[in-house]
Amino acid sequence: MFALFFLYVLIIAVAVFVLKLILWILLIPILWTYFTISDAIGRKKKVARQRK
């Protein structure tokens, strides 16, 4: 019984770890693109202000 419970906890721990890993793999490119886009917009605004 205890061995089964331990195995169950281990499976849950691994599943949670894998899910977090997948989330990070998905989030990093999204965050990176978001920051790149906001940076590009920020640069355009700075250039527009310099021209005036």
Protein backbone atom coordinates (compact mmCIF):
# COMPACT_ATOMS: atom_id res chain seq x y z
CA MET A 1 0.00 0.00 0.00
CA PHE A 2 2.76 2.45 0.97
CA ALA A 3 4.75 1.52 -2.16
CA LEU A 4 1.69 2.26 -4.32
CA PHE A 5 1.19 5.63 -2.61
CA PHE A 6 4.88 6.50 -3.11
CA LEU A 7 4.65 5.54 -6.79
CA TYR A 8 1.50 7.66 -7.17
CA VAL A 9 3.24 10.70 -5.60
CA LEU A 10 6.28 10.13 -7.83
CA ILE A 11 4.10 10.00 -10.98
CA ILE A 12 2.31 13.23 -9.96
CA ALA A 13 5.65 14.95 -9.27
CA VAL A 14 7.02 13.91 -12.67
CA ALA A 15 3.78 14.96 -14.42
CA VAL A 16 3.87 18.40 -12.74
CA PHE A 17 7.56 18.82 -13.64
CA VAL A 18 6.91 17.89 -17.29
CA LEU A 19 3.93 20.25 -17.47
CA LYS A 20 6.00 23.12 -16.05
CA LEU A 21 8.77 22.34 -18.53
CA ILE A 22 6.32 22.36 -21.46
CA LEU A 23 4.79 25.64 -20.21
CA TRP A 24 8.23 27.26 -20.03
CA ILE A 25 9.18 25.97 -23.50
CA LEU A 26 5.95 27.51 -24.84
CA LEU A 27 6.20 30.72 -22.79
CA ILE A 28 9.82 31.66 -23.54
CA PRO A 29 9.30 32.24 -27.33
CA ILE A 30 6.00 34.07 -26.68
CA LEU A 31 7.63 36.37 -24.10
CA TRP A 32 10.68 36.84 -26.32
CA THR A 33 8.55 37.84 -29.34
CA TYR A 34 6.44 40.13 -27.13
CA PHE A 35 9.52 41.93 -25.82
CA THR A 36 11.02 42.16 -29.32
CA ILE A 37 7.78 43.65 -30.72
CA SER A 38 7.42 46.14 -27.84
CA ASP A 39 11.09 47.08 -28.27
CA ALA A 40 10.56 47.67 -32.00
CA ILE A 41 7.47 49.82 -31.29
CA GLY A 42 9.44 51.75 -28.67
CA ARG A 43 12.21 52.43 -31.18
CA LYS A 44 9.71 53.63 -33.81
CA LYS A 45 8.20 56.05 -31.28
CA LYS A 46 11.67 57.36 -30.35
CA VAL A 47 12.54 57.86 -34.05
CA ALA A 48 9.21 59.63 -34.64
CA ARG A 49 9.92 61.99 -31.71
CA GLN A 50 13.42 62.78 -33.02
CA ARG A 51 12.08 63.77 -36.46
CA LYS A 52 9.71 66.41 -35.08
